[in-house]
Each structure stands twice: as C-alpha cells, then as structure tokens.
Amino acid sequence: MSTDKVMIGIIGGSGMSNPEILKNGKEVSLDTPYGKPSDALVCGEIEGVPCVLLSRHGRGHKINPTNVNYRANLWALHQVGCTHLLVTTACGSLQPDIHPADIVVIDQFIDRTQKREQTFFDGKPISPLGLCHIPMAEPFCPRTRKILYNCAKELGISCHEKGTILTIEGPRFSSRAESKLWNSWGAHCINMTTVPEVILAKELGLCYAALALVTDYDSWKDDEEAVNVQNVRKTFQTNATNATAVILRAIPQIVKEDWAATIEENKKFVKMNTLLPHCN
C-alpha cells in the first residue's frame, strides 16, 4: 500500500505532544458532531508519511482524563483520513516485573470508568445510524502492536510485548486497597485514558495501538513510595524520549506493509456488528 493511503494519527498523552516531530506541520481546527477536539490537529509528515498529531489533554495539560472529549478527538482524526492511531499513555505498574521507564504494548483492558460516552451510536440525529455492539475480544490492532514492539526491541528499550491495562476514572490515583485489588486481578498496569479511546477507535475501523509508559508502581507495593505527581515526573522525560523514538522508527515500517485488506476487514467488522432500525 502506498503512503497516500495510509495516514497515521498520533495521540500524545503526558509528555508526548511535541509538534516538532512533524515536518511541514500545519494546525487545523475542526468541529465535529460531538463538539471540539482537545486541541487543534497538527498535520504534517514524518519520513514522507502523512501524520496528524493531537494532544489528548490539550497543550499544557489543561483537560483532566474524565473531561477529555474522546468522541470528538477520534472523530476528528477519522475525518481527516487517519487509518492508524499510535497513542501514548502514562501508566503505573501493577506487577513486580514491570518497572518505571518500561514500555508495555498493551493488548487488553479492564474498564473501571463510570462517566464516559463509549459509543458513537447513541441514537441521536448527529450520530451514525443504528446500534453497534462492537466486539472487544481483541481491542488493539495486532499488526500495529507487533511493529511497535519490534521497534522498541531494536532500539534496546525495555518493552513488554503485551499486557492488560486497567483504566480508572481519575483524576485521583488509586487507594492502596484498590491498587492491591487491581494487582490481585492480574492487571499489568493502570491508567486513566485507554477507555473509551480504544473502543471508539474500534467503532471507526481504525488500526489502534498504544504504548503504555510506566512511571511508578501505583500504590500496591509496600516497599515503594505510593504514586504521586512528583514521582511520576521522575521518569517523565525518559518515557517521552523513548516513546518518540519508537514511534518515529515504526512509522516508515508501517507504510512498507499492505494494509488494504486489514482496513477493509475493519470496516466490515463494524458493519456486521451494527443493528440498523427496521422500517415499518
């Protein structure tokens, strides 16, 4: 597949929203049926590949995780033609073999959010027609995940090939009792943004993959300081540097592959799981 048929959206979380990674970057402000995205889209190129950068929390980290307009963000990226989404998300480790500054290429999630819109198919006139019961057995794109993992290993970055992320509502961190519960469940890391982002990407047929950037051990580990903003910041720059390196290496590798069949399968997958209203 030629690069003019692949467009890569990059959703930057904490520490990963630098427009300087793009060549010929141009800001584009969009409205969507679901309101405004978190920030202007920055459209440009990386290694000749069309890319779009969006700051999940707005530049300056102005929007807390619950108040991010995930539907507007995903719709806007889809609207400008993105086929792939490479995203970063800060997270805490819930297991002893996952350490601060590691990367986890997550493959599963557990949802502990309570207040977020998780579908575009909400029955409103502005929304797509029908009711979508999107399957979530495999939330993340396995082909894109594999490329990201291989790139991290080629760069010598400590990276885990898979892992389950548990998404909490935020913006508060977990209590110690909660964190010990998440640890006992076998979840690998914890964050505040994967849900509903990955679900909405799936509804749009996008190839979505996430780099979870470990900053701390949350609150379950008795011999470590409990998570707080200060200890999160200790690995902030290392995480951002590593994630940027992985994404920059992955983009030219993504476009070397033929994605036509995968993109078509994604579209069919959404269609076959959408119930249209019957006409009387």
C-alpha atoms as a PDB file:
ATOM      1  CA  MET A   1       0.000   0.000   0.000  1.00  0.00           C
ATOM      2  CA  SER A   2       1.368   3.422  -0.920  1.00  0.00           C
ATOM      3  CA  THR A   3       1.810   6.107   1.689  1.00  0.00           C
ATOM      4  CA  ASP A   4      -1.015   8.194   0.221  1.00  0.00           C
ATOM      5  CA  LYS A   5      -3.464   5.564   1.500  1.00  0.00           C
ATOM      6  CA  VAL A   6      -2.038   5.390   4.998  1.00  0.00           C
ATOM      7  CA  MET A   7      -2.343   8.319   7.386  1.00  0.00           C
ATOM      8  CA  ILE A   8      -1.132   7.960  10.930  1.00  0.00           C
ATOM      9  CA  GLY A   9      -2.670   9.794  13.850  1.00  0.00           C
ATOM     10  CA  ILE A  10      -0.551  10.228  16.956  1.00  0.00           C
ATOM     11  CA  ILE A  11      -2.393  10.916  20.189  1.00  0.00           C
ATOM     12  CA  GLY A  12       0.093  12.209  22.709  1.00  0.00           C
ATOM     13  CA  GLY A  13      -0.553  11.845  26.389  1.00  0.00           C
ATOM     14  CA  SER A  14       1.543  13.342  29.135  1.00  0.00           C
ATOM     15  CA  GLY A  15       4.953  14.326  27.729  1.00  0.00           C
ATOM     16  CA  MET A  16       4.211  13.290  24.142  1.00  0.00           C
ATOM     17  CA  SER A  17       2.555  16.159  22.277  1.00  0.00           C
ATOM     18  CA  ASN A  18       5.517  17.924  20.664  1.00  0.00           C
ATOM     19  CA  PRO A  19       4.596  19.230  17.180  1.00  0.00           C
ATOM     20  CA  GLU A  20       8.306  19.494  16.300  1.00  0.00           C
ATOM     21  CA  ILE A  21       8.363  15.779  15.405  1.00  0.00           C
ATOM     22  CA  LEU A  22       6.351  16.701  12.281  1.00  0.00           C
ATOM     23  CA  LYS A  23       7.776  18.210   9.102  1.00  0.00           C
ATOM     24  CA  ASN A  24       5.732  20.996   7.472  1.00  0.00           C
ATOM     25  CA  GLY A  25       3.320  20.971  10.384  1.00  0.00           C
ATOM     26  CA  LYS A  26       0.115  22.951   9.965  1.00  0.00           C
ATOM     27  CA  GLU A  27      -2.585  23.448  12.580  1.00  0.00           C
ATOM     28  CA  VAL A  28      -6.133  22.529  11.595  1.00  0.00           C
ATOM     29  CA  SER A  29      -9.072  23.445  13.833  1.00  0.00           C
ATOM     30  CA  LEU A  30     -12.135  21.244  13.415  1.00  0.00           C
ATOM     31  CA  ASP A  31     -15.631  20.960  14.772  1.00  0.00           C
ATOM     32  CA  THR A  32     -17.251  17.530  14.951  1.00  0.00           C
ATOM     33  CA  PRO A  33     -20.809  16.334  15.627  1.00  0.00           C
ATOM     34  CA  TYR A  34     -19.563  15.659  19.170  1.00  0.00           C
ATOM     35  CA  GLY A  35     -18.000  19.050  19.810  1.00  0.00           C
ATOM     36  CA  LYS A  36     -14.433  20.285  19.578  1.00  0.00           C
ATOM     37  CA  PRO A  37     -11.369  18.045  19.999  1.00  0.00           C
ATOM     38  CA  SER A  38      -8.972  18.638  22.880  1.00  0.00           C
ATOM     39  CA  ASP A  39      -6.782  20.843  20.684  1.00  0.00           C
ATOM     40  CA  ALA A  40      -6.094  21.756  17.081  1.00  0.00           C
ATOM     41  CA  LEU A  41      -4.833  18.906  14.927  1.00  0.00           C
ATOM     42  CA  VAL A  42      -1.274  19.386  13.704  1.00  0.00           C
ATOM     43  CA  CYS A  43      -0.982  17.883  10.213  1.00  0.00           C
ATOM     44  CA  GLY A  44       2.383  17.229   8.585  1.00  0.00           C
ATOM     45  CA  GLU A  45       4.791  14.457   7.615  1.00  0.00           C
ATOM     46  CA  ILE A  46       7.213  12.050   9.222  1.00  0.00           C
ATOM     47  CA  GLU A  47       9.623  10.339   6.815  1.00  0.00           C
ATOM     48  CA  GLY A  48       7.307  11.347   3.971  1.00  0.00           C
ATOM     49  CA  VAL A  49       4.288   9.728   5.626  1.00  0.00           C
ATOM     50  CA  PRO A  50       1.234  11.935   6.282  1.00  0.00           C
ATOM     51  CA  CYS A  51       0.716  12.172  10.042  1.00  0.00           C
ATOM     52  CA  VAL A  52      -1.587  14.048  12.391  1.00  0.00           C
ATOM     53  CA  LEU A  53      -0.697  14.917  15.969  1.00  0.00           C
ATOM     54  CA  LEU A  54      -3.286  15.555  18.675  1.00  0.00           C
ATOM     55  CA  SER A  55      -2.633  16.387  22.311  1.00  0.00           C
ATOM     56  CA  ARG A  56      -5.118  14.290  24.315  1.00  0.00           C
ATOM     57  CA  HIS A  57      -5.271  16.677  27.278  1.00  0.00           C
ATOM     58  CA  GLY A  58      -4.691  19.841  25.230  1.00  0.00           C
ATOM     59  CA  ARG A  59      -1.322  21.512  25.071  1.00  0.00           C
ATOM     60  CA  GLY A  60      -0.359  22.496  28.586  1.00  0.00           C
ATOM     61  CA  HIS A  61      -2.290  19.513  30.006  1.00  0.00           C
ATOM     62  CA  LYS A  62      -5.468  21.501  30.600  1.00  0.00           C
ATOM     63  CA  ILE A  63      -8.118  18.763  30.449  1.00  0.00           C
ATOM     64  CA  ASN A  64      -8.471  16.054  33.077  1.00  0.00           C
ATOM     65  CA  PRO A  65      -8.975  12.440  31.913  1.00  0.00           C
ATOM     66  CA  THR A  66     -12.727  12.328  32.511  1.00  0.00           C
ATOM     67  CA  ASN A  67     -13.345  15.603  30.688  1.00  0.00           C
ATOM     68  CA  VAL A  68     -11.386  14.703  27.542  1.00  0.00           C
ATOM     69  CA  ASN A  69     -13.811  14.748  24.603  1.00  0.00           C
ATOM     70  CA  TYR A  70     -12.777  11.334  23.344  1.00  0.00           C
ATOM     71  CA  ARG A  71     -15.536  11.144  20.746  1.00  0.00           C
ATOM     72  CA  ALA A  72     -14.577  14.478  19.212  1.00  0.00           C
ATOM     73  CA  ASN A  73     -10.887  13.529  19.226  1.00  0.00           C
ATOM     74  CA  LEU A  74     -11.407  10.213  17.451  1.00  0.00           C
ATOM     75  CA  TRP A  75     -13.994  11.572  15.032  1.00  0.00           C
ATOM     76  CA  ALA A  76     -11.707  14.440  14.029  1.00  0.00           C
ATOM     77  CA  LEU A  77      -8.770  12.119  13.335  1.00  0.00           C
ATOM     78  CA  HIS A  78     -11.004   9.831  11.298  1.00  0.00           C
ATOM     79  CA  GLN A  79     -12.490  12.824   9.485  1.00  0.00           C
ATOM     80  CA  VAL A  80      -9.094  13.979   8.199  1.00  0.00           C
ATOM     81  CA  GLY A  81      -8.335  10.488   6.906  1.00  0.00           C
ATOM     82  CA  CYS A  82      -6.339   8.654   9.579  1.00  0.00           C
ATOM     83  CA  THR A  83      -6.156   4.889   9.093  1.00  0.00           C
ATOM     84  CA  HIS A  84      -3.875   4.189  12.072  1.00  0.00           C
ATOM     85  CA  LEU A  85      -3.606   5.600  15.574  1.00  0.00           C
ATOM     86  CA  LEU A  86      -0.392   5.329  17.565  1.00  0.00           C
ATOM     87  CA  VAL A  87      -1.005   6.575  21.071  1.00  0.00           C
ATOM     88  CA  THR A  88       0.944   7.010  24.280  1.00  0.00           C
ATOM     89  CA  THR A  89      -0.410   6.864  27.797  1.00  0.00           C
ATOM     90  CA  ALA A  90       1.306   7.307  31.151  1.00  0.00           C
ATOM     91  CA  CYS A  91       0.615   4.407  33.493  1.00  0.00           C
ATOM     92  CA  GLY A  92       1.536   2.809  36.786  1.00  0.00           C
ATOM     93  CA  SER A  93       2.870  -0.727  37.118  1.00  0.00           C
ATOM     94  CA  LEU A  94       0.714  -3.301  38.895  1.00  0.00           C
ATOM     95  CA  GLN A  95       3.199  -6.180  38.700  1.00  0.00           C
ATOM     96  CA  PRO A  96       6.739  -6.637  40.069  1.00  0.00           C
ATOM     97  CA  ASP A  97       8.345  -7.408  36.692  1.00  0.00           C
ATOM     98  CA  ILE A  98       7.171  -4.130  35.126  1.00  0.00           C
ATOM     99  CA  HIS A  99       9.310  -1.173  36.179  1.00  0.00           C
ATOM    100  CA  PRO A 100       9.326   2.621  35.810  1.00  0.00           C
ATOM    101  CA  ALA A 101      10.628   3.670  32.354  1.00  0.00           C
ATOM    102  CA  ASP A 102       9.453   0.350  30.823  1.00  0.00           C
ATOM    103  CA  ILE A 103       7.021   0.363  27.904  1.00  0.00           C
ATOM    104  CA  VAL A 104       4.070  -2.029  27.682  1.00  0.00           C
ATOM    105  CA  VAL A 105       2.485  -2.599  24.263  1.00  0.00           C
ATOM    106  CA  ILE A 106      -0.923  -3.290  25.763  1.00  0.00           C
ATOM    107  CA  ASP A 107      -3.259  -5.876  24.245  1.00  0.00           C
ATOM    108  CA  GLN A 108      -6.176  -5.951  26.723  1.00  0.00           C
ATOM    109  CA  PHE A 109      -8.019  -3.611  29.070  1.00  0.00           C
ATOM    110  CA  ILE A 110     -10.237  -3.682  32.140  1.00  0.00           C
ATOM    111  CA  ASP A 111     -12.705  -0.807  32.379  1.00  0.00           C
ATOM    112  CA  ARG A 112     -13.288   0.837  35.761  1.00  0.00           C
ATOM    113  CA  THR A 113     -14.576   4.153  34.403  1.00  0.00           C
ATOM    114  CA  GLN A 114     -18.103   5.334  35.167  1.00  0.00           C
ATOM    115  CA  LYS A 115     -18.868   8.625  33.423  1.00  0.00           C
ATOM    116  CA  ARG A 116     -17.705   8.357  29.805  1.00  0.00           C
ATOM    117  CA  GLU A 117     -19.510   8.038  26.489  1.00  0.00           C
ATOM    118  CA  GLN A 118     -18.265   4.807  24.934  1.00  0.00           C
ATOM    119  CA  THR A 119     -20.017   4.764  21.558  1.00  0.00           C
ATOM    120  CA  PHE A 120     -20.765   6.961  18.570  1.00  0.00           C
ATOM    121  CA  PHE A 121     -24.001   5.030  18.013  1.00  0.00           C
ATOM    122  CA  ASP A 122     -26.112   6.800  20.650  1.00  0.00           C
ATOM    123  CA  GLY A 123     -29.353   7.195  18.656  1.00  0.00           C
ATOM    124  CA  LYS A 124     -29.032  10.948  18.215  1.00  0.00           C
ATOM    125  CA  PRO A 125     -29.648  12.596  14.811  1.00  0.00           C
ATOM    126  CA  ILE A 126     -25.985  13.628  14.524  1.00  0.00           C
ATOM    127  CA  SER A 127     -24.714  10.094  15.088  1.00  0.00           C
ATOM    128  CA  PRO A 128     -24.213   7.092  12.802  1.00  0.00           C
ATOM    129  CA  LEU A 129     -27.384   5.118  12.142  1.00  0.00           C
ATOM    130  CA  GLY A 130     -28.078   2.013  14.171  1.00  0.00           C
ATOM    131  CA  LEU A 131     -26.804   0.353  17.317  1.00  0.00           C
ATOM    132  CA  CYS A 132     -23.266  -1.020  17.349  1.00  0.00           C
ATOM    133  CA  HIS A 133     -22.425  -3.929  19.660  1.00  0.00           C
ATOM    134  CA  ILE A 134     -18.708  -3.799  18.914  1.00  0.00           C
ATOM    135  CA  PRO A 135     -16.815  -6.965  19.997  1.00  0.00           C
ATOM    136  CA  MET A 136     -13.824  -6.243  22.216  1.00  0.00           C
ATOM    137  CA  ALA A 137     -12.116  -9.628  22.464  1.00  0.00           C
ATOM    138  CA  GLU A 138      -9.147  -8.096  20.605  1.00  0.00           C
ATOM    139  CA  PRO A 139      -9.271  -4.343  21.276  1.00  0.00           C
ATOM    140  CA  PHE A 140      -5.904  -3.348  19.780  1.00  0.00           C
ATOM    141  CA  CYS A 141      -4.579  -3.875  16.256  1.00  0.00           C
ATOM    142  CA  PRO A 142      -2.229  -6.898  16.440  1.00  0.00           C
ATOM    143  CA  ARG A 143      -0.286  -5.939  13.301  1.00  0.00           C
ATOM    144  CA  THR A 144       0.424  -2.417  14.528  1.00  0.00           C
ATOM    145  CA  ARG A 145       1.261  -3.658  18.024  1.00  0.00           C
ATOM    146  CA  LYS A 146       3.821  -6.094  16.618  1.00  0.00           C
ATOM    147  CA  ILE A 147       5.586  -3.330  14.706  1.00  0.00           C
ATOM    148  CA  LEU A 148       5.745  -1.092  17.782  1.00  0.00           C
ATOM    149  CA  TYR A 149       7.128  -3.899  19.943  1.00  0.00           C
ATOM    150  CA  ASN A 150       9.763  -4.879  17.388  1.00  0.00           C
ATOM    151  CA  CYS A 151      10.872  -1.258  17.044  1.00  0.00           C
ATOM    152  CA  ALA A 152      11.241  -0.883  20.809  1.00  0.00           C
ATOM    153  CA  LYS A 153      13.374  -4.035  20.987  1.00  0.00           C
ATOM    154  CA  GLU A 154      15.533  -2.866  18.053  1.00  0.00           C
ATOM    155  CA  LEU A 155      16.175   0.352  19.979  1.00  0.00           C
ATOM    156  CA  GLY A 156      17.159  -1.549  23.133  1.00  0.00           C
ATOM    157  CA  ILE A 157      14.248  -0.143  25.156  1.00  0.00           C
ATOM    158  CA  SER A 158      12.835  -2.301  27.942  1.00  0.00           C
ATOM    159  CA  CYS A 159       9.476  -3.279  26.487  1.00  0.00           C
ATOM    160  CA  HIS A 160       6.767  -5.832  27.267  1.00  0.00           C
ATOM    161  CA  GLU A 161       5.093  -7.435  24.249  1.00  0.00           C
ATOM    162  CA  LYS A 162       1.649  -7.478  25.830  1.00  0.00           C
ATOM    163  CA  GLY A 163      -0.212  -6.539  28.972  1.00  0.00           C
ATOM    164  CA  THR A 164      -3.608  -5.725  30.421  1.00  0.00           C
ATOM    165  CA  ILE A 165      -4.244  -2.125  31.357  1.00  0.00           C
ATOM    166  CA  LEU A 166      -6.858  -1.173  33.923  1.00  0.00           C
ATOM    167  CA  THR A 167      -8.432   2.229  33.285  1.00  0.00           C
ATOM    168  CA  ILE A 168      -9.818   4.140  36.259  1.00  0.00           C
ATOM    169  CA  GLU A 169     -11.916   7.281  36.160  1.00  0.00           C
ATOM    170  CA  GLY A 170      -9.398   9.644  37.708  1.00  0.00           C
ATOM    171  CA  PRO A 171      -8.213  12.261  38.139  1.00  0.00           C
ATOM    172  CA  ARG A 172      -7.362  10.862  41.574  1.00  0.00           C
ATOM    173  CA  PHE A 173      -4.952   7.963  41.956  1.00  0.00           C
ATOM    174  CA  SER A 174      -5.983   4.615  43.474  1.00  0.00           C
ATOM    175  CA  SER A 175      -6.280   3.984  47.178  1.00  0.00           C
ATOM    176  CA  ARG A 176      -3.867   1.353  48.483  1.00  0.00           C
ATOM    177  CA  ALA A 177      -6.752  -1.107  48.898  1.00  0.00           C
ATOM    178  CA  GLU A 178      -7.862  -0.542  45.308  1.00  0.00           C
ATOM    179  CA  SER A 179      -4.330  -0.877  43.980  1.00  0.00           C
ATOM    180  CA  LYS A 180      -3.815  -4.172  45.825  1.00  0.00           C
ATOM    181  CA  LEU A 181      -7.098  -5.408  44.334  1.00  0.00           C
ATOM    182  CA  TRP A 182      -6.018  -4.483  40.785  1.00  0.00           C
ATOM    183  CA  ASN A 183      -2.710  -6.268  41.428  1.00  0.00           C
ATOM    184  CA  SER A 184      -4.532  -9.401  42.630  1.00  0.00           C
ATOM    185  CA  TRP A 185      -6.651  -9.383  39.466  1.00  0.00           C
ATOM    186  CA  GLY A 186      -3.502  -9.803  37.390  1.00  0.00           C
ATOM    187  CA  ALA A 187      -3.751  -6.484  35.552  1.00  0.00           C
ATOM    188  CA  HIS A 188      -0.324  -5.324  34.438  1.00  0.00           C
ATOM    189  CA  CYS A 189      -0.666  -1.544  34.544  1.00  0.00           C
ATOM    190  CA  ILE A 190      -3.124   1.213  35.365  1.00  0.00           C
ATOM    191  CA  ASN A 191      -4.058   4.468  33.647  1.00  0.00           C
ATOM    192  CA  MET A 192      -6.914   6.919  33.120  1.00  0.00           C
ATOM    193  CA  THR A 193      -7.359   7.222  29.330  1.00  0.00           C
ATOM    194  CA  THR A 194      -7.405   3.949  27.355  1.00  0.00           C
ATOM    195  CA  VAL A 195     -11.172   3.630  27.826  1.00  0.00           C
ATOM    196  CA  PRO A 196     -13.110   4.790  25.862  1.00  0.00           C
ATOM    197  CA  GLU A 197     -10.426   5.773  23.329  1.00  0.00           C
ATOM    198  CA  VAL A 198      -9.696   2.237  22.121  1.00  0.00           C
ATOM    199  CA  ILE A 199     -13.414   1.388  21.909  1.00  0.00           C
ATOM    200  CA  LEU A 200     -14.202   4.446  19.792  1.00  0.00           C
ATOM    201  CA  ALA A 201     -11.255   3.688  17.502  1.00  0.00           C
ATOM    202  CA  LYS A 202     -12.650   0.193  17.008  1.00  0.00           C
ATOM    203  CA  GLU A 203     -16.065   1.604  16.068  1.00  0.00           C
ATOM    204  CA  LEU A 204     -14.381   3.731  13.395  1.00  0.00           C
ATOM    205  CA  GLY A 205     -12.424   0.798  11.974  1.00  0.00           C
ATOM    206  CA  LEU A 206      -9.029   2.300  12.847  1.00  0.00           C
ATOM    207  CA  CYS A 207      -5.814   0.351  13.443  1.00  0.00           C
ATOM    208  CA  TYR A 208      -5.181   1.446  17.037  1.00  0.00           C
ATOM    209  CA  ALA A 209      -2.150   0.566  19.159  1.00  0.00           C
ATOM    210  CA  ALA A 210      -0.919   2.034  22.441  1.00  0.00           C
ATOM    211  CA  LEU A 211       2.412   2.424  24.185  1.00  0.00           C
ATOM    212  CA  ALA A 212       1.840   2.427  27.938  1.00  0.00           C
ATOM    213  CA  LEU A 213       4.721   4.345  29.531  1.00  0.00           C
ATOM    214  CA  VAL A 214       5.379   3.202  33.091  1.00  0.00           C
ATOM    215  CA  THR A 215       6.076   5.969  35.598  1.00  0.00           C
ATOM    216  CA  ASP A 216       5.547   4.351  39.020  1.00  0.00           C
ATOM    217  CA  TYR A 217       4.232   1.345  40.979  1.00  0.00           C
ATOM    218  CA  ASP A 218       0.812   2.836  41.766  1.00  0.00           C
ATOM    219  CA  SER A 219       0.065   2.110  45.473  1.00  0.00           C
ATOM    220  CA  TRP A 220       0.099  -1.676  45.872  1.00  0.00           C
ATOM    221  CA  LYS A 221       3.833  -2.135  46.528  1.00  0.00           C
ATOM    222  CA  ASP A 222       4.545  -1.663  50.230  1.00  0.00           C
ATOM    223  CA  ASP A 223       8.304  -1.122  49.776  1.00  0.00           C
ATOM    224  CA  GLU A 224       7.845   1.699  47.243  1.00  0.00           C
ATOM    225  CA  GLU A 225       6.541   5.223  47.632  1.00  0.00           C
ATOM    226  CA  ALA A 226       2.870   5.471  46.666  1.00  0.00           C
ATOM    227  CA  VAL A 227       2.158   7.157  43.344  1.00  0.00           C
ATOM    228  CA  ASN A 228       2.094  10.964  43.311  1.00  0.00           C
ATOM    229  CA  VAL A 229       2.729  13.658  40.742  1.00  0.00           C
ATOM    230  CA  GLN A 230       6.330  14.152  41.855  1.00  0.00           C
ATOM    231  CA  ASN A 231       7.409  10.533  41.378  1.00  0.00           C
ATOM    232  CA  VAL A 232       5.523  10.336  38.075  1.00  0.00           C
ATOM    233  CA  ARG A 233       7.638  13.242  36.851  1.00  0.00           C
ATOM    234  CA  LYS A 234      10.886  11.404  37.688  1.00  0.00           C
ATOM    235  CA  THR A 235      10.591   9.269  34.537  1.00  0.00           C
ATOM    236  CA  PHE A 236       8.653  11.825  32.520  1.00  0.00           C
ATOM    237  CA  GLN A 237      11.403  12.821  30.081  1.00  0.00           C
ATOM    238  CA  THR A 238      12.788   9.293  29.684  1.00  0.00           C
ATOM    239  CA  ASN A 239       9.328   7.982  28.823  1.00  0.00           C
ATOM    240  CA  ALA A 240       8.657  10.745  26.288  1.00  0.00           C
ATOM    241  CA  THR A 241      12.059  10.294  24.632  1.00  0.00           C
ATOM    242  CA  ASN A 242      11.661   6.517  24.362  1.00  0.00           C
ATOM    243  CA  ALA A 243       8.097   6.703  23.049  1.00  0.00           C
ATOM    244  CA  THR A 244       9.060   9.282  20.428  1.00  0.00           C
ATOM    245  CA  ALA A 245      11.949   7.089  19.262  1.00  0.00           C
ATOM    246  CA  VAL A 246       9.699   4.045  18.928  1.00  0.00           C
ATOM    247  CA  ILE A 247       7.002   5.913  17.010  1.00  0.00           C
ATOM    248  CA  LEU A 248       9.476   7.585  14.653  1.00  0.00           C
ATOM    249  CA  ARG A 249      11.037   4.199  13.891  1.00  0.00           C
ATOM    250  CA  ALA A 250       7.656   2.469  13.475  1.00  0.00           C
ATOM    251  CA  ILE A 251       6.034   4.882  11.023  1.00  0.00           C
ATOM    252  CA  PRO A 252       8.173   4.075   7.952  1.00  0.00           C
ATOM    253  CA  GLN A 253       7.857   0.368   8.777  1.00  0.00           C
ATOM    254  CA  ILE A 254       4.070   0.603   8.928  1.00  0.00           C
ATOM    255  CA  VAL A 255       3.817   2.054   5.430  1.00  0.00           C
ATOM    256  CA  LYS A 256       6.028  -0.675   3.963  1.00  0.00           C
ATOM    257  CA  GLU A 257       3.202  -3.132   4.589  1.00  0.00           C
ATOM    258  CA  ASP A 258      -0.018  -3.578   2.606  1.00  0.00           C
ATOM    259  CA  TRP A 259      -2.916  -2.508   4.814  1.00  0.00           C
ATOM    260  CA  ALA A 260      -5.743  -2.573   2.250  1.00  0.00           C
ATOM    261  CA  ALA A 261      -7.217  -5.902   3.384  1.00  0.00           C
ATOM    262  CA  THR A 262      -6.911  -5.039   7.108  1.00  0.00           C
ATOM    263  CA  ILE A 263      -8.619  -1.664   6.678  1.00  0.00           C
ATOM    264  CA  GLU A 264     -11.424  -3.257   4.653  1.00  0.00           C
ATOM    265  CA  GLU A 265     -11.846  -6.020   7.243  1.00  0.00           C
ATOM    266  CA  ASN A 266     -12.087  -3.398   9.998  1.00  0.00           C
ATOM    267  CA  LYS A 267     -14.884  -1.599   8.139  1.00  0.00           C
ATOM    268  CA  LYS A 268     -16.787  -4.850   7.546  1.00  0.00           C
ATOM    269  CA  PHE A 269     -16.315  -5.786  11.205  1.00  0.00           C
ATOM    270  CA  VAL A 270     -18.105  -2.610  12.320  1.00  0.00           C
ATOM    271  CA  LYS A 271     -20.869  -3.032   9.740  1.00  0.00           C
ATOM    272  CA  MET A 272     -21.604  -6.665  10.624  1.00  0.00           C
ATOM    273  CA  ASN A 273     -21.928  -5.754  14.316  1.00  0.00           C
ATOM    274  CA  THR A 274     -24.255  -2.804  13.751  1.00  0.00           C
ATOM    275  CA  LEU A 275     -28.012  -3.323  14.005  1.00  0.00           C
ATOM    276  CA  LEU A 276     -29.971  -0.965  11.761  1.00  0.00           C
ATOM    277  CA  PRO A 277     -33.509   0.115  12.702  1.00  0.00           C
ATOM    278  CA  HIS A 278     -36.344  -1.738  10.958  1.00  0.00           C
ATOM    279  CA  CYS A 279     -38.731   0.246   8.821  1.00  0.00           C
ATOM    280  CA  ASN A 280     -42.444  -0.414   9.491  1.00  0.00           C
END
